[in-house]
N, C-alpha and C. Protein backbone atom coordinates (compact mmCIF):
# COMPACT_ATOMS: atom_id res chain seq x y z
N MET A 1 -12.61 9.15 6.39
CA MET A 1 -11.68 9.99 7.13
C MET A 1 -10.42 10.25 6.30
N ARG A 2 -9.65 11.26 6.68
CA ARG A 2 -8.39 11.53 6.00
C ARG A 2 -7.39 10.41 6.32
N ILE A 3 -6.49 10.15 5.38
CA ILE A 3 -5.56 9.04 5.53
C ILE A 3 -4.63 9.25 6.72
N ILE A 4 -4.15 10.47 6.91
CA ILE A 4 -3.25 10.75 8.03
C ILE A 4 -3.94 10.44 9.36
N ASN A 5 -5.24 10.71 9.46
CA ASN A 5 -5.98 10.44 10.69
C ASN A 5 -6.18 8.95 10.90
N ALA A 6 -6.39 8.21 9.82
CA ALA A 6 -6.60 6.77 9.93
C ALA A 6 -5.36 6.05 10.44
N LEU A 7 -4.19 6.62 10.21
CA LEU A 7 -2.95 5.98 10.64
C LEU A 7 -2.69 6.13 12.14
N ASP A 8 -3.39 7.07 12.79
CA ASP A 8 -3.23 7.27 14.24
C ASP A 8 -1.77 7.43 14.65
N LEU A 9 -1.06 8.30 13.96
CA LEU A 9 0.36 8.47 14.22
C LEU A 9 0.60 9.27 15.49
N SER A 10 1.64 8.88 16.20
CA SER A 10 2.22 9.74 17.23
C SER A 10 3.57 10.21 16.71
N PHE A 11 4.13 11.22 17.33
CA PHE A 11 5.39 11.77 16.83
C PHE A 11 6.45 11.71 17.91
N PRO A 12 7.68 11.33 17.54
CA PRO A 12 8.16 11.06 16.18
C PRO A 12 7.75 9.67 15.69
N SER A 13 7.61 9.54 14.37
CA SER A 13 7.33 8.27 13.72
C SER A 13 8.15 8.15 12.44
N THR A 14 8.47 6.91 12.08
CA THR A 14 9.17 6.63 10.83
C THR A 14 8.38 5.57 10.08
N LEU A 15 7.91 5.92 8.89
CA LEU A 15 7.09 5.02 8.08
C LEU A 15 7.88 4.54 6.87
N ALA A 16 7.93 3.23 6.69
CA ALA A 16 8.44 2.64 5.45
C ALA A 16 7.24 2.33 4.57
N VAL A 17 7.22 2.88 3.37
CA VAL A 17 6.11 2.68 2.45
C VAL A 17 6.56 1.73 1.36
N ILE A 18 5.80 0.62 1.20
CA ILE A 18 6.19 -0.46 0.30
C ILE A 18 5.02 -0.81 -0.62
N GLY A 19 5.28 -1.70 -1.59
CA GLY A 19 4.20 -2.22 -2.42
C GLY A 19 4.15 -1.64 -3.81
N CYS A 20 2.95 -1.63 -4.39
CA CYS A 20 2.76 -1.21 -5.78
C CYS A 20 1.43 -0.46 -5.90
N GLY A 21 1.46 0.72 -6.47
CA GLY A 21 0.19 1.38 -6.72
C GLY A 21 -0.04 2.67 -5.98
N GLY A 22 1.01 3.49 -5.82
CA GLY A 22 0.80 4.81 -5.24
C GLY A 22 1.69 5.15 -4.07
N LYS A 23 2.84 4.49 -3.94
CA LYS A 23 3.75 4.78 -2.81
C LYS A 23 4.16 6.24 -2.78
N THR A 24 4.65 6.74 -3.90
CA THR A 24 5.17 8.10 -3.93
C THR A 24 4.06 9.12 -3.68
N SER A 25 2.90 8.89 -4.26
CA SER A 25 1.77 9.80 -4.04
C SER A 25 1.34 9.80 -2.58
N LEU A 26 1.34 8.63 -1.95
CA LEU A 26 0.98 8.55 -0.53
C LEU A 26 1.99 9.28 0.33
N ILE A 27 3.27 9.10 0.03
CA ILE A 27 4.31 9.80 0.79
C ILE A 27 4.14 11.31 0.68
N LYS A 28 3.89 11.80 -0.52
CA LYS A 28 3.71 13.25 -0.70
C LYS A 28 2.48 13.74 0.06
N LEU A 29 1.39 12.97 0.00
CA LEU A 29 0.19 13.35 0.73
C LEU A 29 0.44 13.43 2.23
N LEU A 30 1.08 12.42 2.78
CA LEU A 30 1.34 12.41 4.22
C LEU A 30 2.26 13.56 4.63
N ALA A 31 3.26 13.84 3.78
CA ALA A 31 4.17 14.95 4.07
C ALA A 31 3.42 16.27 4.14
N ASN A 32 2.41 16.43 3.28
CA ASN A 32 1.64 17.68 3.24
C ASN A 32 0.52 17.71 4.27
N SER A 33 0.36 16.61 5.01
CA SER A 33 -0.75 16.52 5.97
C SER A 33 -0.33 16.79 7.40
N CYS A 34 0.91 17.23 7.58
CA CYS A 34 1.44 17.44 8.93
C CYS A 34 1.98 18.85 9.10
N PRO A 35 1.12 19.86 9.03
CA PRO A 35 1.61 21.24 9.21
C PRO A 35 2.21 21.43 10.59
N GLY A 36 3.31 22.13 10.61
CA GLY A 36 3.98 22.39 11.88
C GLY A 36 4.95 21.31 12.31
N LYS A 37 5.01 20.19 11.56
CA LYS A 37 5.93 19.11 11.88
C LYS A 37 7.12 19.13 10.92
N ARG A 38 8.26 18.71 11.43
CA ARG A 38 9.43 18.55 10.56
C ARG A 38 9.35 17.18 9.90
N VAL A 39 9.33 17.18 8.57
CA VAL A 39 9.12 15.94 7.82
C VAL A 39 10.30 15.69 6.88
N LEU A 40 10.77 14.44 6.91
CA LEU A 40 11.86 14.00 6.03
C LEU A 40 11.32 12.95 5.06
N ILE A 41 11.66 13.08 3.79
CA ILE A 41 11.38 12.07 2.76
C ILE A 41 12.71 11.56 2.24
N SER A 42 12.84 10.23 2.17
CA SER A 42 14.11 9.67 1.68
C SER A 42 13.86 8.25 1.18
N PRO A 43 14.65 7.78 0.21
CA PRO A 43 14.51 6.39 -0.24
C PRO A 43 15.47 5.46 0.50
N THR A 44 15.07 4.20 0.63
CA THR A 44 16.03 3.16 1.00
C THR A 44 16.42 2.38 -0.25
N THR A 45 15.75 2.67 -1.37
CA THR A 45 16.12 2.11 -2.68
C THR A 45 16.41 3.27 -3.61
N LYS A 46 15.45 3.60 -4.48
CA LYS A 46 15.60 4.73 -5.40
C LYS A 46 14.25 5.40 -5.57
N MET A 47 14.26 6.69 -5.78
CA MET A 47 13.03 7.43 -6.06
C MET A 47 13.38 8.75 -6.72
N PHE A 48 12.42 9.32 -7.45
CA PHE A 48 12.59 10.67 -7.94
C PHE A 48 12.34 11.64 -6.79
N ALA A 49 13.10 12.71 -6.76
CA ALA A 49 12.93 13.70 -5.70
C ALA A 49 11.53 14.29 -5.75
N LEU A 50 10.95 14.50 -4.58
CA LEU A 50 9.62 15.10 -4.48
C LEU A 50 9.75 16.57 -4.16
N SER A 51 8.98 17.37 -4.86
CA SER A 51 8.96 18.80 -4.60
C SER A 51 7.81 19.10 -3.65
N THR A 52 8.13 19.47 -2.45
CA THR A 52 7.11 19.83 -1.46
C THR A 52 7.66 20.91 -0.55
N GLN A 53 6.80 21.86 -0.21
CA GLN A 53 7.23 22.96 0.65
C GLN A 53 7.23 22.56 2.12
N THR A 54 6.68 21.39 2.43
CA THR A 54 6.51 21.00 3.83
C THR A 54 7.49 19.93 4.29
N ALA A 55 8.38 19.46 3.41
CA ALA A 55 9.28 18.37 3.79
C ALA A 55 10.65 18.55 3.14
N ASP A 56 11.65 17.96 3.77
CA ASP A 56 12.98 17.87 3.18
C ASP A 56 13.09 16.52 2.48
N CYS A 57 13.51 16.53 1.22
CA CYS A 57 13.70 15.30 0.46
C CYS A 57 15.20 15.09 0.29
N ARG A 58 15.71 14.02 0.89
CA ARG A 58 17.15 13.81 0.95
C ARG A 58 17.53 12.45 0.38
N GLY A 59 18.66 12.43 -0.31
CA GLY A 59 19.21 11.20 -0.86
C GLY A 59 20.44 11.55 -1.68
N ILE A 60 21.00 10.58 -2.35
CA ILE A 60 22.18 10.79 -3.20
C ILE A 60 21.73 10.82 -4.65
N LEU A 61 21.90 11.95 -5.31
CA LEU A 61 21.42 12.10 -6.67
C LEU A 61 22.30 11.33 -7.64
N ASN A 62 21.68 10.46 -8.43
CA ASN A 62 22.34 9.78 -9.53
C ASN A 62 22.11 10.62 -10.78
N SER A 63 23.16 11.25 -11.29
CA SER A 63 23.01 12.19 -12.40
C SER A 63 22.58 11.51 -13.69
N LYS A 64 22.85 10.21 -13.81
CA LYS A 64 22.47 9.49 -15.02
C LYS A 64 20.98 9.17 -15.04
N THR A 65 20.43 8.74 -13.92
CA THR A 65 19.02 8.36 -13.86
C THR A 65 18.12 9.50 -13.41
N GLY A 66 18.71 10.49 -12.73
CA GLY A 66 17.91 11.58 -12.18
C GLY A 66 17.20 11.21 -10.89
N LYS A 67 17.49 10.03 -10.37
CA LYS A 67 16.83 9.56 -9.14
C LYS A 67 17.71 9.78 -7.92
N LEU A 68 17.04 9.87 -6.79
CA LEU A 68 17.75 9.87 -5.52
C LEU A 68 17.96 8.43 -5.08
N GLU A 69 19.18 8.11 -4.68
CA GLU A 69 19.49 6.79 -4.15
C GLU A 69 19.69 6.89 -2.64
N ALA A 70 19.70 5.75 -1.99
CA ALA A 70 19.70 5.71 -0.53
C ALA A 70 20.97 6.32 0.06
N LEU A 71 20.78 7.06 1.13
CA LEU A 71 21.91 7.51 1.94
C LEU A 71 22.52 6.31 2.66
N PRO A 72 23.77 6.39 3.11
CA PRO A 72 24.33 5.31 3.93
C PRO A 72 23.40 5.06 5.12
N PRO A 73 23.16 3.80 5.47
CA PRO A 73 22.19 3.48 6.53
C PRO A 73 22.41 4.22 7.84
N ASP A 74 23.65 4.33 8.29
CA ASP A 74 23.91 5.03 9.55
C ASP A 74 23.58 6.51 9.45
N GLU A 75 23.88 7.09 8.29
CA GLU A 75 23.59 8.52 8.09
C GLU A 75 22.08 8.76 8.08
N LEU A 76 21.34 7.88 7.40
CA LEU A 76 19.89 8.03 7.35
C LEU A 76 19.27 7.86 8.74
N ALA A 77 19.76 6.88 9.49
CA ALA A 77 19.23 6.64 10.84
C ALA A 77 19.44 7.87 11.73
N LYS A 78 20.61 8.46 11.64
CA LYS A 78 20.90 9.65 12.44
C LYS A 78 20.04 10.83 11.99
N LEU A 79 19.90 10.99 10.67
CA LEU A 79 19.13 12.09 10.13
C LEU A 79 17.67 11.99 10.56
N ALA A 80 17.13 10.80 10.61
CA ALA A 80 15.73 10.60 10.95
C ALA A 80 15.41 11.08 12.37
N THR A 81 16.39 11.05 13.25
CA THR A 81 16.15 11.49 14.63
C THR A 81 15.92 12.99 14.73
N GLU A 82 16.21 13.71 13.67
CA GLU A 82 16.07 15.16 13.68
C GLU A 82 14.68 15.62 13.22
N TYR A 83 13.79 14.66 12.87
CA TYR A 83 12.50 14.99 12.30
C TYR A 83 11.36 14.39 13.12
N ASN A 84 10.20 15.04 13.02
CA ASN A 84 9.00 14.50 13.68
C ASN A 84 8.43 13.31 12.92
N LEU A 85 8.55 13.37 11.59
CA LEU A 85 8.01 12.30 10.74
C LEU A 85 8.99 12.02 9.61
N THR A 86 9.37 10.76 9.50
CA THR A 86 10.25 10.33 8.40
C THR A 86 9.47 9.37 7.52
N LEU A 87 9.46 9.65 6.22
CA LEU A 87 8.73 8.85 5.24
C LEU A 87 9.74 8.25 4.27
N LEU A 88 9.86 6.92 4.32
CA LEU A 88 10.86 6.23 3.52
C LEU A 88 10.19 5.46 2.38
N GLU A 89 10.58 5.74 1.16
CA GLU A 89 10.14 4.90 0.05
C GLU A 89 11.07 3.69 0.02
N ALA A 90 10.54 2.54 0.40
CA ALA A 90 11.36 1.39 0.71
C ALA A 90 11.19 0.23 -0.27
N ASP A 91 10.63 0.52 -1.42
CA ASP A 91 10.32 -0.55 -2.37
C ASP A 91 10.22 0.06 -3.76
N GLY A 92 10.30 -0.78 -4.78
CA GLY A 92 10.12 -0.32 -6.15
C GLY A 92 9.34 -1.35 -6.95
N SER A 93 8.48 -0.87 -7.85
CA SER A 93 7.67 -1.81 -8.64
C SER A 93 7.64 -1.45 -10.12
N ARG A 94 8.42 -0.46 -10.53
CA ARG A 94 8.47 -0.02 -11.93
C ARG A 94 7.09 0.35 -12.46
N SER A 95 6.25 0.90 -11.58
CA SER A 95 4.90 1.38 -11.93
C SER A 95 3.96 0.25 -12.36
N LEU A 96 4.28 -0.98 -12.01
CA LEU A 96 3.41 -2.11 -12.31
C LEU A 96 2.55 -2.44 -11.09
N PRO A 97 1.36 -3.02 -11.28
CA PRO A 97 0.44 -3.24 -10.16
C PRO A 97 0.72 -4.47 -9.32
N CYS A 98 1.63 -5.35 -9.77
CA CYS A 98 1.97 -6.55 -9.00
C CYS A 98 3.48 -6.71 -8.95
N LYS A 99 3.94 -7.47 -7.96
CA LYS A 99 5.37 -7.65 -7.79
C LYS A 99 5.67 -8.94 -7.04
N GLY A 100 6.84 -9.52 -7.34
CA GLY A 100 7.45 -10.54 -6.50
C GLY A 100 8.72 -9.94 -5.92
N TRP A 101 9.07 -10.33 -4.70
CA TRP A 101 10.18 -9.68 -3.99
C TRP A 101 11.43 -10.54 -3.97
N MET A 102 12.56 -9.91 -4.24
CA MET A 102 13.86 -10.55 -4.07
C MET A 102 14.13 -10.72 -2.58
N ASP A 103 15.15 -11.52 -2.25
CA ASP A 103 15.45 -11.79 -0.84
C ASP A 103 15.74 -10.52 -0.06
N TRP A 104 16.35 -9.54 -0.70
CA TRP A 104 16.84 -8.36 0.01
C TRP A 104 15.82 -7.22 0.06
N GLU A 105 14.66 -7.41 -0.52
CA GLU A 105 13.69 -6.33 -0.55
C GLU A 105 12.34 -6.77 0.03
N PRO A 106 11.53 -5.81 0.47
CA PRO A 106 11.79 -4.37 0.58
C PRO A 106 12.83 -4.07 1.66
N ILE A 107 13.44 -2.90 1.54
CA ILE A 107 14.49 -2.51 2.48
C ILE A 107 13.88 -1.63 3.57
N VAL A 108 13.56 -2.24 4.70
CA VAL A 108 12.87 -1.56 5.80
C VAL A 108 13.81 -1.49 7.01
N PRO A 109 14.29 -0.31 7.37
CA PRO A 109 15.19 -0.18 8.53
C PRO A 109 14.53 -0.62 9.83
N GLN A 110 15.33 -1.11 10.75
CA GLN A 110 14.83 -1.65 12.01
C GLN A 110 14.23 -0.58 12.93
N TYR A 111 14.50 0.68 12.69
CA TYR A 111 13.97 1.73 13.55
C TYR A 111 12.60 2.25 13.09
N CYS A 112 12.05 1.68 12.04
CA CYS A 112 10.73 2.12 11.56
C CYS A 112 9.66 1.79 12.60
N THR A 113 8.73 2.70 12.76
CA THR A 113 7.60 2.48 13.66
C THR A 113 6.42 1.85 12.93
N HIS A 114 6.35 2.03 11.60
CA HIS A 114 5.26 1.50 10.79
C HIS A 114 5.81 1.01 9.45
N THR A 115 5.19 -0.04 8.94
CA THR A 115 5.38 -0.44 7.56
C THR A 115 4.02 -0.37 6.87
N VAL A 116 3.92 0.48 5.86
CA VAL A 116 2.65 0.71 5.17
C VAL A 116 2.75 0.12 3.77
N GLY A 117 1.94 -0.91 3.51
CA GLY A 117 1.91 -1.54 2.19
C GLY A 117 0.78 -1.00 1.35
N VAL A 118 1.07 -0.65 0.11
CA VAL A 118 0.09 -0.07 -0.81
C VAL A 118 -0.11 -1.01 -1.99
N LEU A 119 -1.36 -1.21 -2.38
CA LEU A 119 -1.64 -1.94 -3.61
C LEU A 119 -2.97 -1.46 -4.17
N THR A 120 -3.30 -1.91 -5.38
CA THR A 120 -4.58 -1.60 -6.01
C THR A 120 -5.21 -2.90 -6.48
N MET A 121 -6.45 -2.81 -6.90
CA MET A 121 -7.16 -3.96 -7.46
C MET A 121 -7.09 -3.96 -8.99
N SER A 122 -6.24 -3.12 -9.56
CA SER A 122 -6.24 -2.94 -11.02
C SER A 122 -5.74 -4.16 -11.78
N ALA A 123 -5.02 -5.06 -11.11
CA ALA A 123 -4.49 -6.25 -11.81
C ALA A 123 -5.48 -7.40 -11.85
N LEU A 124 -6.57 -7.31 -11.09
CA LEU A 124 -7.53 -8.41 -11.04
C LEU A 124 -8.04 -8.73 -12.45
N GLY A 125 -8.04 -10.02 -12.77
CA GLY A 125 -8.53 -10.46 -14.07
C GLY A 125 -7.53 -10.39 -15.19
N LYS A 126 -6.39 -9.75 -14.95
CA LYS A 126 -5.36 -9.66 -15.98
C LYS A 126 -4.46 -10.88 -15.94
N ALA A 127 -3.70 -11.08 -17.00
CA ALA A 127 -2.81 -12.22 -17.09
C ALA A 127 -1.53 -11.95 -16.32
N ALA A 128 -1.02 -12.97 -15.65
CA ALA A 128 0.24 -12.87 -14.92
C ALA A 128 1.39 -12.94 -15.91
N THR A 129 1.79 -11.79 -16.42
CA THR A 129 2.90 -11.68 -17.36
C THR A 129 3.76 -10.49 -16.95
N GLY A 130 4.88 -10.34 -17.63
CA GLY A 130 5.77 -9.23 -17.35
C GLY A 130 5.17 -7.87 -17.63
N ALA A 131 4.06 -7.82 -18.38
CA ALA A 131 3.40 -6.55 -18.66
C ALA A 131 2.65 -6.02 -17.45
N CYS A 132 2.41 -6.91 -16.48
CA CYS A 132 1.62 -6.56 -15.30
C CYS A 132 2.38 -6.75 -13.99
N VAL A 133 3.46 -7.52 -14.06
CA VAL A 133 4.13 -7.96 -12.84
C VAL A 133 5.62 -7.66 -12.90
N HIS A 134 6.12 -7.00 -11.86
CA HIS A 134 7.57 -6.80 -11.69
C HIS A 134 8.15 -8.02 -10.97
N ASN A 135 9.27 -8.53 -11.46
CA ASN A 135 9.86 -9.76 -10.92
C ASN A 135 8.88 -10.94 -11.04
N LEU A 136 8.52 -11.25 -12.26
CA LEU A 136 7.50 -12.26 -12.52
C LEU A 136 7.81 -13.63 -11.91
N PRO A 137 9.03 -14.18 -12.04
CA PRO A 137 9.27 -15.51 -11.45
C PRO A 137 8.99 -15.56 -9.96
N GLN A 138 9.38 -14.52 -9.24
CA GLN A 138 9.16 -14.48 -7.80
C GLN A 138 7.66 -14.37 -7.49
N PHE A 139 6.94 -13.62 -8.30
CA PHE A 139 5.49 -13.48 -8.12
C PHE A 139 4.79 -14.83 -8.33
N LEU A 140 5.19 -15.56 -9.35
CA LEU A 140 4.57 -16.86 -9.63
C LEU A 140 4.83 -17.83 -8.49
N THR A 141 6.03 -17.79 -7.94
CA THR A 141 6.34 -18.66 -6.80
C THR A 141 5.49 -18.30 -5.59
N LEU A 142 5.32 -17.01 -5.34
CA LEU A 142 4.52 -16.55 -4.20
C LEU A 142 3.07 -16.98 -4.31
N THR A 143 2.51 -16.85 -5.50
CA THR A 143 1.07 -16.99 -5.67
C THR A 143 0.63 -18.38 -6.11
N GLY A 144 1.56 -19.17 -6.64
CA GLY A 144 1.20 -20.48 -7.18
C GLY A 144 0.62 -20.41 -8.57
N LEU A 145 0.59 -19.23 -9.18
CA LEU A 145 0.09 -19.11 -10.54
C LEU A 145 1.14 -19.57 -11.54
N LEU A 146 0.68 -19.87 -12.72
CA LEU A 146 1.56 -20.10 -13.86
C LEU A 146 1.54 -18.86 -14.75
N GLN A 147 2.59 -18.67 -15.51
CA GLN A 147 2.64 -17.51 -16.39
C GLN A 147 1.42 -17.51 -17.32
N GLY A 148 0.74 -16.37 -17.38
CA GLY A 148 -0.44 -16.23 -18.21
C GLY A 148 -1.74 -16.51 -17.50
N ASP A 149 -1.67 -17.10 -16.29
CA ASP A 149 -2.89 -17.33 -15.51
C ASP A 149 -3.55 -16.01 -15.12
N GLU A 150 -4.84 -16.06 -14.84
CA GLU A 150 -5.57 -14.89 -14.39
C GLU A 150 -5.19 -14.54 -12.95
N ILE A 151 -4.96 -13.28 -12.70
CA ILE A 151 -4.65 -12.81 -11.35
C ILE A 151 -5.95 -12.66 -10.57
N THR A 152 -6.03 -13.35 -9.45
CA THR A 152 -7.25 -13.42 -8.65
C THR A 152 -7.05 -12.71 -7.31
N ILE A 153 -8.14 -12.56 -6.57
CA ILE A 153 -8.05 -12.02 -5.21
C ILE A 153 -7.13 -12.88 -4.36
N GLN A 154 -7.23 -14.20 -4.52
CA GLN A 154 -6.39 -15.11 -3.75
C GLN A 154 -4.91 -14.89 -4.07
N ALA A 155 -4.60 -14.65 -5.34
CA ALA A 155 -3.21 -14.42 -5.74
C ALA A 155 -2.69 -13.12 -5.13
N LEU A 156 -3.52 -12.08 -5.14
CA LEU A 156 -3.10 -10.81 -4.54
C LEU A 156 -2.90 -10.96 -3.04
N ARG A 157 -3.76 -11.75 -2.41
CA ARG A 157 -3.62 -11.97 -0.96
C ARG A 157 -2.30 -12.66 -0.65
N GLU A 158 -1.93 -13.64 -1.45
CA GLU A 158 -0.66 -14.32 -1.22
C GLU A 158 0.51 -13.39 -1.53
N MET A 159 0.37 -12.57 -2.56
CA MET A 159 1.42 -11.60 -2.89
C MET A 159 1.72 -10.71 -1.69
N VAL A 160 0.68 -10.33 -0.97
CA VAL A 160 0.84 -9.43 0.17
C VAL A 160 1.27 -10.17 1.43
N CYS A 161 0.64 -11.31 1.71
CA CYS A 161 0.72 -11.91 3.05
C CYS A 161 1.59 -13.14 3.17
N ALA A 162 1.96 -13.76 2.07
CA ALA A 162 2.79 -14.97 2.14
C ALA A 162 4.12 -14.65 2.82
N PRO A 163 4.77 -15.66 3.41
CA PRO A 163 6.03 -15.41 4.13
C PRO A 163 7.09 -14.69 3.30
N GLY A 164 7.10 -14.89 2.00
CA GLY A 164 8.08 -14.21 1.16
C GLY A 164 7.50 -13.02 0.43
N GLY A 165 6.33 -12.54 0.86
CA GLY A 165 5.63 -11.49 0.14
C GLY A 165 5.95 -10.08 0.58
N MET A 166 5.01 -9.19 0.32
CA MET A 166 5.21 -7.76 0.50
C MET A 166 5.71 -7.39 1.89
N PHE A 167 5.18 -8.02 2.92
CA PHE A 167 5.49 -7.63 4.29
C PHE A 167 6.58 -8.47 4.94
N LYS A 168 7.34 -9.22 4.15
CA LYS A 168 8.30 -10.16 4.76
C LYS A 168 9.40 -9.47 5.55
N ASN A 169 9.76 -8.26 5.21
CA ASN A 169 10.80 -7.54 5.96
C ASN A 169 10.21 -6.40 6.79
N SER A 170 8.93 -6.47 7.09
CA SER A 170 8.25 -5.36 7.76
C SER A 170 8.73 -5.19 9.19
N VAL A 171 8.65 -3.96 9.66
CA VAL A 171 9.05 -3.59 11.02
C VAL A 171 7.97 -2.69 11.60
N GLY A 172 7.67 -2.84 12.88
CA GLY A 172 6.68 -1.99 13.53
C GLY A 172 5.26 -2.38 13.17
N SER A 173 4.34 -1.45 13.32
CA SER A 173 2.93 -1.71 13.01
C SER A 173 2.76 -1.91 11.50
N ARG A 174 1.99 -2.93 11.15
CA ARG A 174 1.73 -3.22 9.73
C ARG A 174 0.39 -2.63 9.32
N VAL A 175 0.42 -1.82 8.27
CA VAL A 175 -0.80 -1.22 7.72
C VAL A 175 -0.89 -1.60 6.25
N LEU A 176 -2.05 -2.13 5.84
CA LEU A 176 -2.29 -2.44 4.43
C LEU A 176 -3.33 -1.48 3.90
N PHE A 177 -2.99 -0.81 2.80
CA PHE A 177 -3.87 0.21 2.22
C PHE A 177 -4.14 -0.11 0.76
N VAL A 178 -5.41 -0.35 0.43
CA VAL A 178 -5.82 -0.53 -0.96
C VAL A 178 -6.17 0.83 -1.53
N ASN A 179 -5.43 1.25 -2.52
CA ASN A 179 -5.55 2.59 -3.11
C ASN A 179 -6.40 2.55 -4.38
N GLN A 180 -6.69 3.74 -4.88
CA GLN A 180 -7.40 3.96 -6.15
C GLN A 180 -8.83 3.43 -6.10
N ILE A 181 -9.52 3.72 -5.00
CA ILE A 181 -10.94 3.38 -4.89
C ILE A 181 -11.72 4.54 -5.49
N GLU A 182 -12.17 4.37 -6.72
CA GLU A 182 -12.81 5.47 -7.43
C GLU A 182 -14.29 5.23 -7.69
N ASP A 183 -14.81 4.03 -7.41
CA ASP A 183 -16.25 3.79 -7.59
C ASP A 183 -16.69 2.66 -6.66
N GLU A 184 -17.99 2.44 -6.59
CA GLU A 184 -18.56 1.47 -5.65
C GLU A 184 -18.11 0.05 -5.95
N LEU A 185 -17.97 -0.30 -7.22
CA LEU A 185 -17.57 -1.66 -7.58
C LEU A 185 -16.18 -1.97 -7.06
N VAL A 186 -15.24 -1.05 -7.27
CA VAL A 186 -13.87 -1.26 -6.77
C VAL A 186 -13.87 -1.29 -5.25
N ALA A 187 -14.70 -0.48 -4.63
CA ALA A 187 -14.80 -0.49 -3.17
C ALA A 187 -15.27 -1.84 -2.67
N GLU A 188 -16.29 -2.41 -3.32
CA GLU A 188 -16.81 -3.71 -2.92
C GLU A 188 -15.75 -4.80 -3.08
N ILE A 189 -15.02 -4.77 -4.17
CA ILE A 189 -13.96 -5.75 -4.40
C ILE A 189 -12.87 -5.61 -3.34
N SER A 190 -12.52 -4.37 -3.02
CA SER A 190 -11.47 -4.12 -2.03
C SER A 190 -11.89 -4.60 -0.64
N ILE A 191 -13.14 -4.37 -0.29
CA ILE A 191 -13.64 -4.85 1.00
C ILE A 191 -13.57 -6.37 1.05
N ARG A 192 -13.97 -7.02 -0.03
CA ARG A 192 -13.91 -8.49 -0.08
C ARG A 192 -12.48 -8.99 0.05
N PHE A 193 -11.56 -8.30 -0.62
CA PHE A 193 -10.14 -8.66 -0.53
C PHE A 193 -9.63 -8.50 0.90
N LEU A 194 -9.90 -7.36 1.51
CA LEU A 194 -9.39 -7.10 2.86
C LEU A 194 -10.03 -8.03 3.89
N GLN A 195 -11.29 -8.35 3.71
CA GLN A 195 -11.93 -9.30 4.62
C GLN A 195 -11.29 -10.68 4.50
N SER A 196 -10.90 -11.07 3.28
CA SER A 196 -10.23 -12.35 3.10
C SER A 196 -8.86 -12.35 3.76
N VAL A 197 -8.17 -11.21 3.72
CA VAL A 197 -6.89 -11.07 4.41
C VAL A 197 -7.09 -11.20 5.92
N LYS A 198 -8.11 -10.54 6.44
CA LYS A 198 -8.40 -10.56 7.87
C LYS A 198 -8.73 -11.97 8.36
N GLU A 199 -9.47 -12.71 7.55
CA GLU A 199 -9.86 -14.08 7.92
C GLU A 199 -8.70 -15.05 7.80
N ARG A 200 -7.92 -14.90 6.74
CA ARG A 200 -6.83 -15.85 6.47
C ARG A 200 -5.60 -15.57 7.32
N PHE A 201 -5.37 -14.28 7.66
CA PHE A 201 -4.18 -13.88 8.42
C PHE A 201 -4.60 -13.01 9.60
N PRO A 202 -5.34 -13.57 10.55
CA PRO A 202 -5.82 -12.77 11.69
C PRO A 202 -4.66 -12.23 12.52
N GLY A 203 -4.76 -10.97 12.88
CA GLY A 203 -3.74 -10.36 13.73
C GLY A 203 -2.49 -9.91 13.02
N MET A 204 -2.41 -10.13 11.71
CA MET A 204 -1.19 -9.75 10.98
C MET A 204 -1.06 -8.23 10.84
N PHE A 205 -2.20 -7.55 10.73
CA PHE A 205 -2.18 -6.11 10.44
C PHE A 205 -2.81 -5.31 11.57
N THR A 206 -2.21 -4.15 11.84
CA THR A 206 -2.79 -3.20 12.78
C THR A 206 -3.98 -2.49 12.16
N LYS A 207 -3.88 -2.18 10.87
CA LYS A 207 -4.94 -1.49 10.15
C LYS A 207 -5.10 -2.09 8.76
N LEU A 208 -6.36 -2.26 8.34
CA LEU A 208 -6.69 -2.64 6.97
C LEU A 208 -7.56 -1.52 6.40
N LEU A 209 -7.01 -0.78 5.44
CA LEU A 209 -7.65 0.43 4.94
C LEU A 209 -7.88 0.34 3.43
N PHE A 210 -8.92 1.02 2.96
CA PHE A 210 -9.11 1.19 1.52
C PHE A 210 -9.59 2.61 1.28
N GLY A 211 -9.16 3.18 0.15
CA GLY A 211 -9.54 4.56 -0.11
C GLY A 211 -8.82 5.11 -1.33
N SER A 212 -8.61 6.40 -1.33
CA SER A 212 -8.01 7.08 -2.48
C SER A 212 -7.00 8.11 -2.00
N VAL A 213 -5.76 7.94 -2.41
CA VAL A 213 -4.75 8.95 -2.11
C VAL A 213 -5.11 10.26 -2.81
N GLN A 214 -5.59 10.14 -4.04
CA GLN A 214 -5.95 11.34 -4.79
C GLN A 214 -7.02 12.15 -4.07
N GLY A 215 -7.98 11.46 -3.46
CA GLY A 215 -9.05 12.15 -2.75
C GLY A 215 -8.78 12.35 -1.28
N ASP A 216 -7.65 11.84 -0.79
CA ASP A 216 -7.30 11.87 0.65
C ASP A 216 -8.49 11.42 1.50
N ILE A 217 -8.94 10.19 1.22
CA ILE A 217 -10.05 9.62 1.98
C ILE A 217 -9.85 8.13 2.11
N CYS A 218 -10.25 7.57 3.24
CA CYS A 218 -10.14 6.11 3.41
C CYS A 218 -11.13 5.64 4.46
N TRP A 219 -11.33 4.32 4.45
CA TRP A 219 -12.19 3.64 5.40
C TRP A 219 -11.45 2.42 5.93
N GLU A 220 -11.84 1.97 7.09
CA GLU A 220 -11.19 0.82 7.71
C GLU A 220 -12.10 -0.41 7.69
N VAL A 221 -11.51 -1.56 7.42
CA VAL A 221 -12.25 -2.83 7.47
C VAL A 221 -12.04 -3.45 8.83
């Protein structure tokens, strides 16, 4: 099914998109999937402005970095009430597939109706180093790995679900989406990962999805 349909959104809704592995692409896809709706895109951290004919992209432009930075919280909260769908990029991973979170992140406003976490299986089997992980010390603490250890399904599960992990500041319905499913092997690995999440953390998530933002397709576990 299409990703927008899998989310079962009602309007108005505000989604905070967090994690590593396709946040910006997912936001753009969702913005383009709601014809006839007023859609707002904005960061609670930093993001490059998105060019889309179907949404307003708002933030404070940093002329040095070229990125949009977060609007004042009260201003963003008020602005969101004017739209049918608000899509907030609420996390940053420096384009790396794994991350450890500082105390203050992700930045998810209390009025969000959904928190959507995105990740991929691309780090599996790789070494836990700064080449693969943003905020490496925090990631090692979350997962119990040592620097250079192999990243496993169990480590990714802890990265997502541990008390200090991806969803620690989540608000509203929790959705976990494994992105970049491009072949049967990755699909099988993703299903195994999501089933382990379901068994280890029952009831934590409203939806457990895997699919491809590029192909606008997903399945539910």
